[in-house]
Amino acid sequence: MKLAEHYGDKPVEELPMLFQRILSNCTLDWFRRQKTQNALFTNMGDFETANDDGDFDLLEALHASNNVEQNESAESQTERAQILREIELQIQQLPARQREAFLMRYWEEMDVSETAAAMGCSQGSVKTHCSRAVQALGKALTAKGMRL
C-alpha cells in the first residue's frame, strides 16, 4: 500500500528497490514495537505457576526476585555497575558505523542480513564493522584493567 500511495509516480525500474526498502523498514519497525511492548507489558500468566490457586501476588513475586540481588554484596553490585558504565562509555566512543552495527547485532539481536538491510550496506561490511567494534572494545576495556 505504501509503495502505491507514495511512489506511484516513480519509474517502474525503481519500484523493486523501493519495495524492498519499505518491506525492510516495516519489518524493523514491527520488531522494535514488539520489543518495546514486551519490555513494558508483561503477561501476568508468566508469573503464575502450575500449582497456583489463583491467589497470585505480583509484589511478592517481585520481592522474591529482588532478594537474589540483595544477597549480592554491595561491593560486587558497585563493581558490576562501574563495569557496565565503562562499557557504555566505550561503546559511545566507537565510530558511528561500528557502534550502529555492534548495537544492532548484539543489543537488538538482529542477524547479519537484517543489520545489513537496516544500515544499507553489505553483510560483509556489517561483519567487518562488528569485528572492529569488538576488537576496539576489547582493547579499551583491557587497557582499563578489566578482564574479559
N, C-alpha and C. Protein backbone atom coordinates (compact mmCIF):
# COMPACT_ATOMS: atom_id res chain seq x y z
N MET A 1 0.82 -1.19 0.00
CA MET A 1 0.00 0.00 0.00
C MET A 1 0.87 1.26 0.00
N LYS A 2 1.93 1.25 0.84
CA LYS A 2 2.79 2.42 0.91
C LYS A 2 3.48 2.68 -0.43
N LEU A 3 3.86 1.62 -1.12
CA LEU A 3 4.51 1.76 -2.41
C LEU A 3 3.57 2.44 -3.39
N ALA A 4 2.33 2.00 -3.44
CA ALA A 4 1.36 2.58 -4.36
C ALA A 4 1.00 4.01 -3.97
N GLU A 5 0.85 4.26 -2.66
CA GLU A 5 0.44 5.58 -2.20
C GLU A 5 1.52 6.64 -2.40
N HIS A 6 2.75 6.28 -2.05
CA HIS A 6 3.80 7.30 -2.02
C HIS A 6 4.72 7.31 -3.24
N TYR A 7 4.79 6.20 -3.97
CA TYR A 7 5.77 6.12 -5.04
C TYR A 7 5.15 5.72 -6.38
N GLY A 8 3.87 5.95 -6.56
CA GLY A 8 3.19 5.62 -7.81
C GLY A 8 3.73 6.39 -8.99
N ASP A 9 4.34 7.54 -8.76
CA ASP A 9 4.85 8.36 -9.85
C ASP A 9 6.30 8.03 -10.23
N LYS A 10 6.92 7.11 -9.53
CA LYS A 10 8.32 6.73 -9.80
C LYS A 10 8.39 5.79 -11.00
N PRO A 11 9.56 5.78 -11.66
CA PRO A 11 9.74 4.84 -12.79
C PRO A 11 9.66 3.39 -12.32
N VAL A 12 9.21 2.52 -13.21
CA VAL A 12 8.99 1.11 -12.89
C VAL A 12 10.29 0.44 -12.45
N GLU A 13 11.43 0.87 -12.98
CA GLU A 13 12.72 0.26 -12.63
C GLU A 13 13.06 0.46 -11.15
N GLU A 14 12.58 1.53 -10.54
CA GLU A 14 12.90 1.83 -9.15
C GLU A 14 11.98 1.12 -8.15
N LEU A 15 10.86 0.60 -8.62
CA LEU A 15 9.87 0.03 -7.71
C LEU A 15 10.37 -1.18 -6.91
N PRO A 16 11.10 -2.14 -7.50
CA PRO A 16 11.57 -3.26 -6.68
C PRO A 16 12.48 -2.82 -5.53
N MET A 17 13.37 -1.88 -5.80
CA MET A 17 14.26 -1.37 -4.76
C MET A 17 13.46 -0.66 -3.66
N LEU A 18 12.50 0.16 -4.07
CA LEU A 18 11.66 0.86 -3.11
C LEU A 18 10.83 -0.12 -2.29
N PHE A 19 10.31 -1.14 -2.93
CA PHE A 19 9.52 -2.14 -2.22
C PHE A 19 10.36 -2.85 -1.17
N GLN A 20 11.59 -3.23 -1.52
CA GLN A 20 12.46 -3.90 -0.55
C GLN A 20 12.75 -3.00 0.64
N ARG A 21 13.00 -1.72 0.39
CA ARG A 21 13.29 -0.78 1.48
C ARG A 21 12.06 -0.61 2.37
N ILE A 22 10.89 -0.47 1.78
CA ILE A 22 9.66 -0.33 2.57
C ILE A 22 9.42 -1.59 3.40
N LEU A 23 9.59 -2.75 2.79
CA LEU A 23 9.40 -4.01 3.50
C LEU A 23 10.39 -4.14 4.65
N SER A 24 11.64 -3.81 4.40
CA SER A 24 12.67 -3.88 5.44
C SER A 24 12.35 -2.93 6.59
N ASN A 25 12.00 -1.71 6.28
CA ASN A 25 11.68 -0.73 7.32
C ASN A 25 10.45 -1.13 8.12
N CYS A 26 9.42 -1.63 7.45
CA CYS A 26 8.21 -2.06 8.15
C CYS A 26 8.51 -3.24 9.07
N THR A 27 9.34 -4.17 8.61
CA THR A 27 9.71 -5.32 9.43
C THR A 27 10.49 -4.87 10.65
N LEU A 28 11.47 -4.00 10.46
CA LEU A 28 12.25 -3.48 11.59
C LEU A 28 11.37 -2.72 12.57
N ASP A 29 10.44 -1.92 12.05
CA ASP A 29 9.52 -1.19 12.92
C ASP A 29 8.67 -2.14 13.75
N TRP A 30 8.20 -3.22 13.12
CA TRP A 30 7.38 -4.20 13.84
C TRP A 30 8.18 -4.84 14.97
N PHE A 31 9.44 -5.24 14.68
CA PHE A 31 10.26 -5.86 15.72
C PHE A 31 10.57 -4.88 16.85
N ARG A 32 10.81 -3.62 16.51
CA ARG A 32 11.07 -2.61 17.55
C ARG A 32 9.83 -2.42 18.42
N ARG A 33 8.66 -2.34 17.79
CA ARG A 33 7.42 -2.19 18.57
C ARG A 33 7.21 -3.39 19.48
N GLN A 34 7.46 -4.59 18.96
CA GLN A 34 7.31 -5.79 19.77
C GLN A 34 8.25 -5.77 20.96
N LYS A 35 9.49 -5.38 20.74
CA LYS A 35 10.47 -5.34 21.82
C LYS A 35 10.05 -4.33 22.89
N THR A 36 9.60 -3.17 22.45
CA THR A 36 9.15 -2.15 23.39
C THR A 36 7.92 -2.63 24.15
N GLN A 37 6.98 -3.19 23.42
CA GLN A 37 5.75 -3.67 24.06
C GLN A 37 6.07 -4.77 25.06
N ASN A 38 6.95 -5.69 24.70
CA ASN A 38 7.31 -6.78 25.61
C ASN A 38 8.05 -6.26 26.83
N ALA A 39 8.82 -5.19 26.66
CA ALA A 39 9.53 -4.63 27.80
C ALA A 39 8.58 -3.91 28.75
N LEU A 40 7.53 -3.30 28.22
CA LEU A 40 6.62 -2.52 29.04
C LEU A 40 5.50 -3.35 29.67
N PHE A 41 5.02 -4.32 28.92
CA PHE A 41 3.87 -5.09 29.38
C PHE A 41 4.27 -6.55 29.51
N THR A 42 4.11 -7.09 30.67
CA THR A 42 4.43 -8.49 30.91
C THR A 42 3.14 -9.25 31.12
N ASN A 43 3.06 -10.39 30.51
CA ASN A 43 1.88 -11.24 30.67
C ASN A 43 1.84 -11.75 32.10
N MET A 44 0.78 -11.49 32.81
CA MET A 44 0.68 -11.91 34.21
C MET A 44 0.76 -13.42 34.34
N GLY A 45 0.37 -14.14 33.32
CA GLY A 45 0.45 -15.59 33.35
C GLY A 45 1.88 -16.09 33.44
N ASP A 46 2.85 -15.28 33.03
CA ASP A 46 4.25 -15.68 33.12
C ASP A 46 4.69 -15.83 34.57
N PHE A 47 4.03 -15.11 35.47
CA PHE A 47 4.41 -15.15 36.88
C PHE A 47 3.78 -16.32 37.63
N GLU A 48 2.68 -16.82 37.11
CA GLU A 48 1.94 -17.85 37.81
C GLU A 48 2.59 -19.21 37.61
N THR A 49 2.45 -20.08 38.58
CA THR A 49 2.95 -21.45 38.46
C THR A 49 1.79 -22.40 38.31
N ALA A 50 2.09 -23.65 38.01
CA ALA A 50 1.03 -24.63 37.76
C ALA A 50 0.19 -24.91 39.00
N ASN A 51 0.77 -24.80 40.20
CA ASN A 51 0.03 -25.12 41.41
C ASN A 51 -0.59 -23.89 42.09
N ASP A 52 -0.65 -22.76 41.38
CA ASP A 52 -1.28 -21.57 41.95
C ASP A 52 -2.77 -21.79 42.13
N ASP A 53 -3.29 -21.25 43.21
CA ASP A 53 -4.73 -21.36 43.47
C ASP A 53 -5.47 -20.09 43.07
N GLY A 54 -4.84 -19.28 42.21
CA GLY A 54 -5.46 -18.04 41.77
C GLY A 54 -5.20 -16.89 42.72
N ASP A 55 -4.40 -17.12 43.74
CA ASP A 55 -4.08 -16.11 44.74
C ASP A 55 -2.69 -15.54 44.48
N PHE A 56 -2.42 -15.14 43.25
CA PHE A 56 -1.10 -14.65 42.86
C PHE A 56 -0.92 -13.20 43.28
N ASP A 57 0.24 -12.90 43.85
CA ASP A 57 0.56 -11.54 44.28
C ASP A 57 1.83 -11.09 43.57
N LEU A 58 1.69 -10.13 42.66
CA LEU A 58 2.82 -9.64 41.88
C LEU A 58 3.90 -9.04 42.77
N LEU A 59 3.51 -8.31 43.80
CA LEU A 59 4.50 -7.68 44.69
C LEU A 59 5.36 -8.72 45.39
N GLU A 60 4.76 -9.84 45.80
CA GLU A 60 5.54 -10.90 46.41
C GLU A 60 6.52 -11.51 45.42
N ALA A 61 6.07 -11.69 44.19
CA ALA A 61 6.95 -12.27 43.17
C ALA A 61 8.13 -11.34 42.89
N LEU A 62 7.86 -10.04 42.81
CA LEU A 62 8.94 -9.08 42.57
C LEU A 62 9.89 -9.02 43.77
N HIS A 63 9.35 -9.08 44.96
CA HIS A 63 10.18 -9.06 46.16
C HIS A 63 11.09 -10.29 46.19
N ALA A 64 10.57 -11.44 45.81
CA ALA A 64 11.36 -12.67 45.80
C ALA A 64 12.49 -12.58 44.77
N SER A 65 12.21 -12.00 43.60
CA SER A 65 13.26 -11.89 42.58
C SER A 65 14.30 -10.85 42.98
N ASN A 66 13.92 -9.84 43.74
CA ASN A 66 14.88 -8.83 44.19
C ASN A 66 15.78 -9.36 45.29
N ASN A 67 15.34 -10.40 46.02
CA ASN A 67 16.17 -10.97 47.07
C ASN A 67 17.47 -11.54 46.52
N VAL A 68 17.45 -12.02 45.29
CA VAL A 68 18.67 -12.55 44.67
C VAL A 68 19.71 -11.45 44.57
N GLU A 69 19.28 -10.26 44.12
CA GLU A 69 20.20 -9.13 44.00
C GLU A 69 20.63 -8.62 45.37
N GLN A 70 19.74 -8.71 46.37
CA GLN A 70 20.07 -8.23 47.70
C GLN A 70 21.10 -9.12 48.38
N ASN A 71 21.14 -10.40 48.02
CA ASN A 71 22.12 -11.31 48.61
C ASN A 71 23.53 -11.05 48.10
N GLU A 72 23.65 -10.33 47.01
CA GLU A 72 24.95 -9.99 46.46
C GLU A 72 25.53 -8.83 47.29
N SER A 73 26.82 -8.86 47.47
CA SER A 73 27.44 -7.82 48.29
C SER A 73 27.37 -6.46 47.59
N ALA A 74 27.40 -5.42 48.38
CA ALA A 74 27.37 -4.06 47.84
C ALA A 74 28.59 -3.81 46.97
N GLU A 75 29.71 -4.41 47.36
CA GLU A 75 30.94 -4.24 46.58
C GLU A 75 30.78 -4.80 45.18
N SER A 76 30.24 -6.01 45.05
CA SER A 76 30.10 -6.61 43.73
C SER A 76 29.01 -5.90 42.91
N GLN A 77 27.97 -5.39 43.56
CA GLN A 77 26.96 -4.61 42.85
C GLN A 77 27.57 -3.34 42.28
N THR A 78 28.37 -2.67 43.09
CA THR A 78 29.03 -1.44 42.65
C THR A 78 30.01 -1.72 41.53
N GLU A 79 30.76 -2.80 41.70
CA GLU A 79 31.74 -3.18 40.67
C GLU A 79 31.05 -3.46 39.35
N ARG A 80 29.93 -4.21 39.40
CA ARG A 80 29.19 -4.51 38.18
C ARG A 80 28.66 -3.23 37.54
N ALA A 81 28.14 -2.32 38.34
CA ALA A 81 27.61 -1.06 37.82
C ALA A 81 28.71 -0.23 37.16
N GLN A 82 29.90 -0.22 37.76
CA GLN A 82 31.02 0.52 37.19
C GLN A 82 31.47 -0.09 35.86
N ILE A 83 31.50 -1.41 35.81
CA ILE A 83 31.89 -2.09 34.57
C ILE A 83 30.89 -1.78 33.46
N LEU A 84 29.60 -1.86 33.77
CA LEU A 84 28.58 -1.55 32.77
C LEU A 84 28.67 -0.10 32.31
N ARG A 85 28.92 0.80 33.23
CA ARG A 85 29.07 2.21 32.87
C ARG A 85 30.27 2.40 31.93
N GLU A 86 31.37 1.72 32.23
CA GLU A 86 32.57 1.84 31.40
C GLU A 86 32.33 1.25 30.01
N ILE A 87 31.62 0.13 29.95
CA ILE A 87 31.30 -0.46 28.65
C ILE A 87 30.44 0.49 27.83
N GLU A 88 29.45 1.11 28.47
CA GLU A 88 28.60 2.08 27.76
C GLU A 88 29.42 3.24 27.23
N LEU A 89 30.35 3.75 28.04
CA LEU A 89 31.20 4.85 27.60
C LEU A 89 32.05 4.44 26.41
N GLN A 90 32.62 3.25 26.46
CA GLN A 90 33.46 2.78 25.37
C GLN A 90 32.65 2.56 24.10
N ILE A 91 31.41 2.09 24.24
CA ILE A 91 30.56 1.92 23.06
C ILE A 91 30.27 3.27 22.42
N GLN A 92 30.04 4.29 23.25
CA GLN A 92 29.77 5.63 22.72
C GLN A 92 30.97 6.22 21.98
N GLN A 93 32.17 5.76 22.31
CA GLN A 93 33.38 6.29 21.67
C GLN A 93 33.72 5.58 20.36
N LEU A 94 32.99 4.51 20.03
CA LEU A 94 33.23 3.82 18.76
C LEU A 94 32.82 4.72 17.61
N PRO A 95 33.44 4.53 16.43
CA PRO A 95 32.95 5.24 15.25
C PRO A 95 31.48 4.90 14.99
N ALA A 96 30.77 5.81 14.38
CA ALA A 96 29.31 5.69 14.24
C ALA A 96 28.88 4.38 13.58
N ARG A 97 29.49 3.99 12.48
CA ARG A 97 29.07 2.77 11.78
C ARG A 97 29.38 1.52 12.61
N GLN A 98 30.51 1.51 13.30
CA GLN A 98 30.84 0.37 14.16
C GLN A 98 29.85 0.28 15.31
N ARG A 99 29.55 1.42 15.91
CA ARG A 99 28.60 1.45 17.03
C ARG A 99 27.22 0.97 16.56
N GLU A 100 26.80 1.45 15.40
CA GLU A 100 25.50 1.09 14.85
C GLU A 100 25.42 -0.43 14.59
N ALA A 101 26.44 -0.97 13.94
CA ALA A 101 26.45 -2.41 13.65
C ALA A 101 26.51 -3.22 14.94
N PHE A 102 27.36 -2.81 15.87
CA PHE A 102 27.52 -3.53 17.13
C PHE A 102 26.21 -3.57 17.91
N LEU A 103 25.54 -2.43 18.03
CA LEU A 103 24.30 -2.37 18.81
C LEU A 103 23.18 -3.16 18.14
N MET A 104 23.09 -3.08 16.82
CA MET A 104 22.05 -3.84 16.14
C MET A 104 22.27 -5.34 16.29
N ARG A 105 23.52 -5.77 16.15
CA ARG A 105 23.81 -7.21 16.20
C ARG A 105 23.72 -7.76 17.62
N TYR A 106 24.31 -7.06 18.58
CA TYR A 106 24.44 -7.64 19.91
C TYR A 106 23.44 -7.11 20.92
N TRP A 107 22.90 -5.93 20.72
CA TRP A 107 21.91 -5.39 21.65
C TRP A 107 20.50 -5.68 21.15
N GLU A 108 20.28 -5.36 19.87
CA GLU A 108 18.96 -5.60 19.27
C GLU A 108 18.80 -7.05 18.83
N GLU A 109 19.89 -7.83 18.84
CA GLU A 109 19.90 -9.24 18.46
C GLU A 109 19.38 -9.47 17.05
N MET A 110 19.76 -8.57 16.14
CA MET A 110 19.39 -8.74 14.74
C MET A 110 20.45 -9.61 14.07
N ASP A 111 20.03 -10.35 13.04
CA ASP A 111 21.03 -11.16 12.34
C ASP A 111 21.77 -10.27 11.33
N VAL A 112 22.77 -10.86 10.66
CA VAL A 112 23.63 -10.09 9.77
C VAL A 112 22.83 -9.49 8.62
N SER A 113 21.92 -10.26 8.04
CA SER A 113 21.17 -9.74 6.89
C SER A 113 20.23 -8.61 7.30
N GLU A 114 19.58 -8.72 8.45
CA GLU A 114 18.71 -7.65 8.93
C GLU A 114 19.51 -6.38 9.20
N THR A 115 20.67 -6.55 9.81
CA THR A 115 21.52 -5.40 10.11
C THR A 115 21.99 -4.74 8.83
N ALA A 116 22.39 -5.56 7.85
CA ALA A 116 22.84 -5.02 6.57
C ALA A 116 21.73 -4.23 5.88
N ALA A 117 20.51 -4.77 5.92
CA ALA A 117 19.38 -4.08 5.30
C ALA A 117 19.10 -2.76 6.01
N ALA A 118 19.15 -2.77 7.33
CA ALA A 118 18.87 -1.55 8.10
C ALA A 118 19.95 -0.49 7.89
N MET A 119 21.20 -0.95 7.76
CA MET A 119 22.30 0.00 7.59
C MET A 119 22.51 0.40 6.13
N GLY A 120 21.90 -0.33 5.22
CA GLY A 120 22.05 -0.03 3.80
C GLY A 120 23.44 -0.39 3.29
N CYS A 121 24.00 -1.49 3.76
CA CYS A 121 25.32 -1.92 3.32
C CYS A 121 25.32 -3.44 3.15
N SER A 122 26.46 -3.99 2.75
CA SER A 122 26.55 -5.43 2.53
C SER A 122 26.71 -6.18 3.85
N GLN A 123 26.46 -7.48 3.82
CA GLN A 123 26.63 -8.30 5.01
C GLN A 123 28.10 -8.35 5.41
N GLY A 124 28.98 -8.33 4.44
CA GLY A 124 30.42 -8.31 4.74
C GLY A 124 30.82 -7.06 5.50
N SER A 125 30.23 -5.92 5.14
CA SER A 125 30.52 -4.67 5.85
C SER A 125 30.05 -4.75 7.29
N VAL A 126 28.87 -5.35 7.50
CA VAL A 126 28.35 -5.50 8.86
C VAL A 126 29.32 -6.34 9.69
N LYS A 127 29.79 -7.45 9.12
CA LYS A 127 30.72 -8.33 9.83
C LYS A 127 32.01 -7.60 10.15
N THR A 128 32.50 -6.80 9.20
CA THR A 128 33.73 -6.05 9.42
C THR A 128 33.55 -5.01 10.52
N HIS A 129 32.45 -4.26 10.45
CA HIS A 129 32.19 -3.24 11.47
C HIS A 129 32.07 -3.88 12.85
N CYS A 130 31.36 -5.00 12.95
CA CYS A 130 31.19 -5.68 14.24
C CYS A 130 32.53 -6.19 14.77
N SER A 131 33.31 -6.78 13.89
CA SER A 131 34.60 -7.32 14.30
C SER A 131 35.50 -6.21 14.83
N ARG A 132 35.54 -5.10 14.11
CA ARG A 132 36.38 -3.97 14.54
C ARG A 132 35.86 -3.38 15.85
N ALA A 133 34.55 -3.33 16.02
CA ALA A 133 33.98 -2.80 17.26
C ALA A 133 34.34 -3.69 18.44
N VAL A 134 34.24 -4.99 18.26
CA VAL A 134 34.57 -5.93 19.34
C VAL A 134 36.05 -5.82 19.69
N GLN A 135 36.90 -5.72 18.67
CA GLN A 135 38.34 -5.58 18.93
C GLN A 135 38.64 -4.28 19.67
N ALA A 136 38.03 -3.19 19.23
CA ALA A 136 38.27 -1.90 19.87
C ALA A 136 37.77 -1.90 21.32
N LEU A 137 36.59 -2.48 21.55
CA LEU A 137 36.07 -2.56 22.91
C LEU A 137 36.96 -3.44 23.78
N GLY A 138 37.41 -4.55 23.24
CA GLY A 138 38.29 -5.44 23.98
C GLY A 138 39.57 -4.75 24.39
N LYS A 139 40.19 -4.04 23.46
CA LYS A 139 41.44 -3.32 23.76
C LYS A 139 41.21 -2.23 24.80
N ALA A 140 40.14 -1.47 24.63
CA ALA A 140 39.87 -0.36 25.55
C ALA A 140 39.58 -0.87 26.96
N LEU A 141 38.79 -1.92 27.07
CA LEU A 141 38.44 -2.43 28.39
C LEU A 141 39.63 -3.14 29.04
N THR A 142 40.45 -3.81 28.25
CA THR A 142 41.65 -4.44 28.79
C THR A 142 42.63 -3.38 29.28
N ALA A 143 42.72 -2.27 28.54
CA ALA A 143 43.60 -1.17 28.96
C ALA A 143 43.13 -0.56 30.27
N LYS A 144 41.85 -0.63 30.54
CA LYS A 144 41.29 -0.11 31.80
C LYS A 144 41.42 -1.12 32.94
N GLY A 145 42.02 -2.28 32.63
CA GLY A 145 42.23 -3.28 33.67
C GLY A 145 41.09 -4.25 33.87
N MET A 146 40.18 -4.32 32.91
CA MET A 146 39.04 -5.22 33.04
C MET A 146 39.35 -6.52 32.29
N ARG A 147 39.09 -7.63 32.98
CA ARG A 147 39.29 -8.93 32.35
C ARG A 147 38.04 -9.29 31.58
N LEU A 148 38.23 -9.80 30.37
CA LEU A 148 37.10 -10.18 29.54
C LEU A 148 36.91 -11.68 29.53
